[in-house]
Amino acid sequence: MIAPQRLTDRKREAIVAAAIAEFRENGFEVTSMDKIAATAGVSKRTVYNHFASKEELFAEILHQLWASSVAQLDVTYASDRPLREQLRGLLVAKMQMMADANFLDLARVAIAATIHSPERAQDMVSRLSQREEGFTLWVRAAQEDGRLSCADPAFAAHQIQSLLKAFAFWPQITLGQPVLDAASQASVIESAIDLFLAGYEITPARAH
């Protein structure tokens, strides 16, 4: 029973890969299940055995995008470690994710497919907000520990992540710019940390 299951998994992966390729090349509206089946090298029936509709297939692509966006991200706050060190770890992990070619492909597909559909766009934004909540929890923990001063932890968390995306995500998604090299990644991360801590860190001088 193991071999057929593996074959089924491979077909499912082939279908998802074909859908990503077709959605990216031709857009969500134009792409048909027939074309996805042909690109995947499977029958149309096989595609429908795995995914009842094109919307369901797109939802699977979104699921993979969200899953990859939180993989290996440790957002546990540590009261005995410097804030800069902890932030660097969080931002390095996020930068690595945004530099992943598969993640960027999925993001391009997701964004392109939402442009003409407010419902899909709202769903995507909602899911992204949920996935980034972990960073917010870290900021709130540091605030409650008396080390950060920010009225809205969610706003502050979004703010520092947006500093990365402005250089390492949106130019690559919208303008086709190459992924940042290691030196540029490090520079963007350190600059983001500088701005964040300058605005929010409670130093001995600010504490009085």
Protein backbone atom coordinates (compact mmCIF):
# COMPACT_ATOMS: atom_id res chain seq x y z
CA MET A 1 0.00 0.00 0.00
CA ILE A 2 2.98 2.34 0.46
CA ALA A 3 4.01 2.58 -3.20
CA PRO A 4 0.58 3.69 -4.54
CA GLN A 5 0.37 6.34 -1.82
CA ARG A 6 3.76 7.68 -2.83
CA LEU A 7 2.63 7.78 -6.46
CA THR A 8 -0.50 9.66 -5.40
CA ASP A 9 1.63 12.15 -3.45
CA ARG A 10 3.90 12.66 -6.46
CA LYS A 11 0.91 13.31 -8.69
CA ARG A 12 -0.51 15.80 -6.21
CA GLU A 13 2.84 17.61 -6.05
CA ALA A 14 3.01 17.62 -9.86
CA ILE A 15 -0.48 19.12 -10.06
CA VAL A 16 0.36 21.88 -7.56
CA ALA A 17 3.65 22.63 -9.37
CA ALA A 18 1.82 22.78 -12.71
CA ALA A 19 -0.83 25.09 -11.25
CA ILE A 20 1.84 27.44 -9.89
CA ALA A 21 3.54 27.53 -13.29
CA GLU A 22 0.28 28.11 -15.19
CA PHE A 23 -1.11 30.69 -12.76
CA ARG A 24 2.17 32.60 -12.89
CA GLU A 25 2.42 32.45 -16.68
CA ASN A 26 -1.21 33.06 -17.65
CA GLY A 27 -3.01 34.31 -14.57
CA PHE A 28 -5.70 32.69 -12.46
CA GLU A 29 -8.70 33.58 -14.60
CA VAL A 30 -7.26 32.30 -17.90
CA THR A 31 -5.74 29.08 -16.56
CA SER A 32 -7.99 26.03 -16.93
CA MET A 33 -7.99 22.72 -15.11
CA ASP A 34 -7.45 21.09 -18.53
CA LYS A 35 -4.22 23.05 -19.00
CA ILE A 36 -3.05 22.24 -15.48
CA ALA A 37 -3.66 18.54 -16.12
CA ALA A 38 -1.71 18.67 -19.40
CA THR A 39 1.22 20.52 -17.78
CA ALA A 40 1.26 18.06 -14.88
CA GLY A 41 1.14 15.08 -17.25
CA VAL A 42 -1.95 13.61 -15.61
CA SER A 43 -5.57 13.17 -16.63
CA LYS A 44 -8.20 15.78 -15.91
CA ARG A 45 -9.96 13.21 -13.73
CA THR A 46 -6.79 12.84 -11.63
CA VAL A 47 -6.71 16.60 -11.08
CA TYR A 48 -10.33 16.60 -9.93
CA ASN A 49 -9.67 13.59 -7.68
CA HIS A 50 -7.24 15.79 -5.77
CA PHE A 51 -8.90 19.19 -6.11
CA ALA A 52 -12.62 19.74 -6.64
CA SER A 53 -12.13 23.14 -8.26
CA LYS A 54 -9.57 25.68 -9.41
CA GLU A 55 -10.35 27.73 -6.30
CA GLU A 56 -9.51 24.73 -4.10
CA LEU A 57 -6.23 24.26 -5.96
CA PHE A 58 -5.41 27.91 -5.46
CA ALA A 59 -6.23 27.55 -1.76
CA GLU A 60 -3.66 24.74 -1.55
CA ILE A 61 -1.04 27.04 -3.06
CA LEU A 62 -1.90 29.69 -0.46
CA HIS A 63 -1.65 27.06 2.28
CA GLN A 64 1.88 26.18 1.12
CA LEU A 65 2.77 29.87 1.08
CA TRP A 66 1.58 30.39 4.66
CA ALA A 67 3.25 27.17 5.82
CA SER A 68 6.61 28.20 4.40
CA SER A 69 6.28 31.68 5.90
CA VAL A 70 6.44 30.37 9.46
CA ALA A 71 8.70 27.37 9.04
CA GLN A 72 11.63 27.33 11.45
CA LEU A 73 10.74 30.74 12.92
CA ASP A 74 11.38 30.77 16.66
CA VAL A 75 9.61 33.81 18.10
CA THR A 76 10.07 32.96 21.78
CA TYR A 77 11.04 36.03 23.78
CA ALA A 78 14.02 35.66 26.14
CA SER A 79 14.31 38.19 28.98
CA ASP A 80 18.00 37.41 29.53
CA ARG A 81 19.18 38.04 25.95
CA PRO A 82 19.90 41.38 24.24
CA LEU A 83 17.00 42.66 22.14
CA ARG A 84 19.26 43.27 19.15
CA GLU A 85 20.47 39.68 19.19
CA GLN A 86 16.91 38.34 19.35
CA LEU A 87 15.66 40.66 16.63
CA ARG A 88 18.57 39.72 14.39
CA GLY A 89 17.64 36.06 14.71
CA LEU A 90 14.00 36.78 13.83
CA LEU A 91 14.85 38.99 10.86
CA VAL A 92 17.53 36.66 9.49
CA ALA A 93 14.97 33.85 9.45
CA LYS A 94 12.42 36.09 7.69
CA MET A 95 15.04 37.26 5.19
CA GLN A 96 15.98 33.66 4.38
CA MET A 97 12.34 32.89 3.71
CA MET A 98 11.95 35.88 1.39
CA ALA A 99 15.11 34.89 -0.49
CA ASP A 100 13.72 31.42 -1.24
CA ALA A 101 12.83 31.07 -4.93
CA ASN A 102 9.88 28.78 -4.24
CA PHE A 103 8.42 31.20 -1.70
CA LEU A 104 8.75 34.10 -4.15
CA ASP A 105 7.08 32.06 -6.90
CA LEU A 106 4.17 31.24 -4.61
CA ALA A 107 3.88 34.87 -3.52
CA ARG A 108 3.81 36.12 -7.13
CA VAL A 109 1.05 33.67 -7.96
CA ALA A 110 -0.97 34.59 -4.86
CA ILE A 111 -0.68 38.33 -5.41
CA ALA A 112 -1.45 38.12 -9.14
CA ALA A 113 -4.52 35.99 -8.48
CA THR A 114 -5.91 38.43 -5.93
CA ILE A 115 -5.66 41.59 -8.04
CA HIS A 116 -9.04 41.08 -9.71
CA SER A 117 -10.73 39.40 -6.77
CA PRO A 118 -11.38 41.44 -3.60
CA GLU A 119 -12.58 38.27 -1.84
CA ARG A 120 -9.33 36.41 -2.51
CA ALA A 121 -7.32 39.50 -1.56
CA GLN A 122 -9.11 39.82 1.77
CA ASP A 123 -8.55 36.13 2.47
CA MET A 124 -4.84 36.43 1.68
CA VAL A 125 -4.37 39.50 3.88
CA SER A 126 -6.26 37.80 6.71
CA ARG A 127 -4.08 34.69 6.49
CA LEU A 128 -0.87 36.72 6.32
CA SER A 129 -1.89 38.71 9.39
CA GLN A 130 -2.48 35.50 11.33
CA ARG A 131 0.90 34.12 10.29
CA GLU A 132 2.76 37.23 11.36
CA GLU A 133 1.10 37.26 14.79
CA GLY A 134 4.08 35.42 16.29
CA PHE A 135 6.28 38.47 15.76
CA THR A 136 3.63 40.56 17.50
CA LEU A 137 3.72 38.21 20.50
CA TRP A 138 7.48 38.72 20.74
CA VAL A 139 7.11 42.51 20.72
CA ARG A 140 4.32 42.35 23.32
CA ALA A 141 6.44 40.12 25.58
CA ALA A 142 9.36 42.56 25.38
CA GLN A 143 6.96 45.42 26.12
CA GLU A 144 5.52 43.65 29.16
CA ASP A 145 9.08 42.98 30.34
CA GLY A 146 9.69 46.74 30.37
CA ARG A 147 12.21 46.70 27.52
CA LEU A 148 10.12 48.17 24.70
CA SER A 149 7.81 51.17 24.74
CA CYS A 150 5.11 50.87 22.05
CA ALA A 151 1.40 51.56 22.27
CA ASP A 152 0.55 48.95 19.64
CA PRO A 153 2.74 45.81 19.46
CA ALA A 154 1.02 44.65 16.24
CA PHE A 155 1.82 47.98 14.57
CA ALA A 156 5.44 47.86 15.72
CA ALA A 157 5.85 44.26 14.54
CA HIS A 158 4.38 45.11 11.15
CA GLN A 159 6.60 48.16 10.95
CA ILE A 160 9.92 46.32 11.35
CA GLN A 161 8.90 43.53 8.98
CA SER A 162 7.88 46.11 6.39
CA LEU A 163 11.39 47.57 6.53
CA LEU A 164 12.66 44.24 5.24
CA LYS A 165 9.93 43.78 2.64
CA ALA A 166 10.59 47.21 1.13
CA PHE A 167 14.01 46.00 0.00
CA ALA A 168 13.87 42.19 -0.02
CA PHE A 169 10.32 41.30 -1.12
CA TRP A 170 8.35 43.91 -3.05
CA PRO A 171 11.10 44.86 -5.55
CA GLN A 172 11.60 41.14 -6.32
CA ILE A 173 7.84 40.51 -6.62
CA THR A 174 6.79 43.58 -8.60
CA LEU A 175 9.93 44.60 -10.51
CA GLY A 176 11.69 41.26 -10.96
CA GLN A 177 14.79 42.46 -9.14
CA PRO A 178 17.28 39.78 -8.02
CA VAL A 179 17.36 38.48 -4.47
CA LEU A 180 19.65 40.57 -2.28
CA ASP A 181 23.19 39.29 -1.79
CA ALA A 182 24.37 38.36 1.71
CA ALA A 183 25.99 41.74 2.41
CA SER A 184 22.88 43.66 1.34
CA GLN A 185 20.65 41.37 3.41
CA ALA A 186 22.78 41.98 6.51
CA SER A 187 22.77 45.75 5.88
CA VAL A 188 18.97 45.88 5.55
CA ILE A 189 18.54 43.80 8.71
CA GLU A 190 20.90 45.89 10.85
CA SER A 191 19.37 49.14 9.60
CA ALA A 192 15.86 47.88 10.42
CA ILE A 193 16.98 46.91 13.93
CA ASP A 194 18.64 50.32 14.42
CA LEU A 195 15.44 52.16 13.51
CA PHE A 196 13.22 49.86 15.56
CA LEU A 197 15.31 50.05 18.74
CA ALA A 198 15.84 53.81 18.34
CA GLY A 199 12.08 54.23 18.34
CA TYR A 200 11.00 51.68 20.92
CA GLU A 201 13.79 50.39 23.17
CA ILE A 202 13.64 51.56 26.77
CA THR A 203 17.19 52.55 27.74
CA PRO A 204 18.23 53.65 31.25
CA ALA A 205 18.06 57.28 30.13
CA ARG A 206 14.51 56.87 28.74
CA ALA A 207 13.37 54.95 31.80
CA HIS A 208 13.66 57.99 34.03
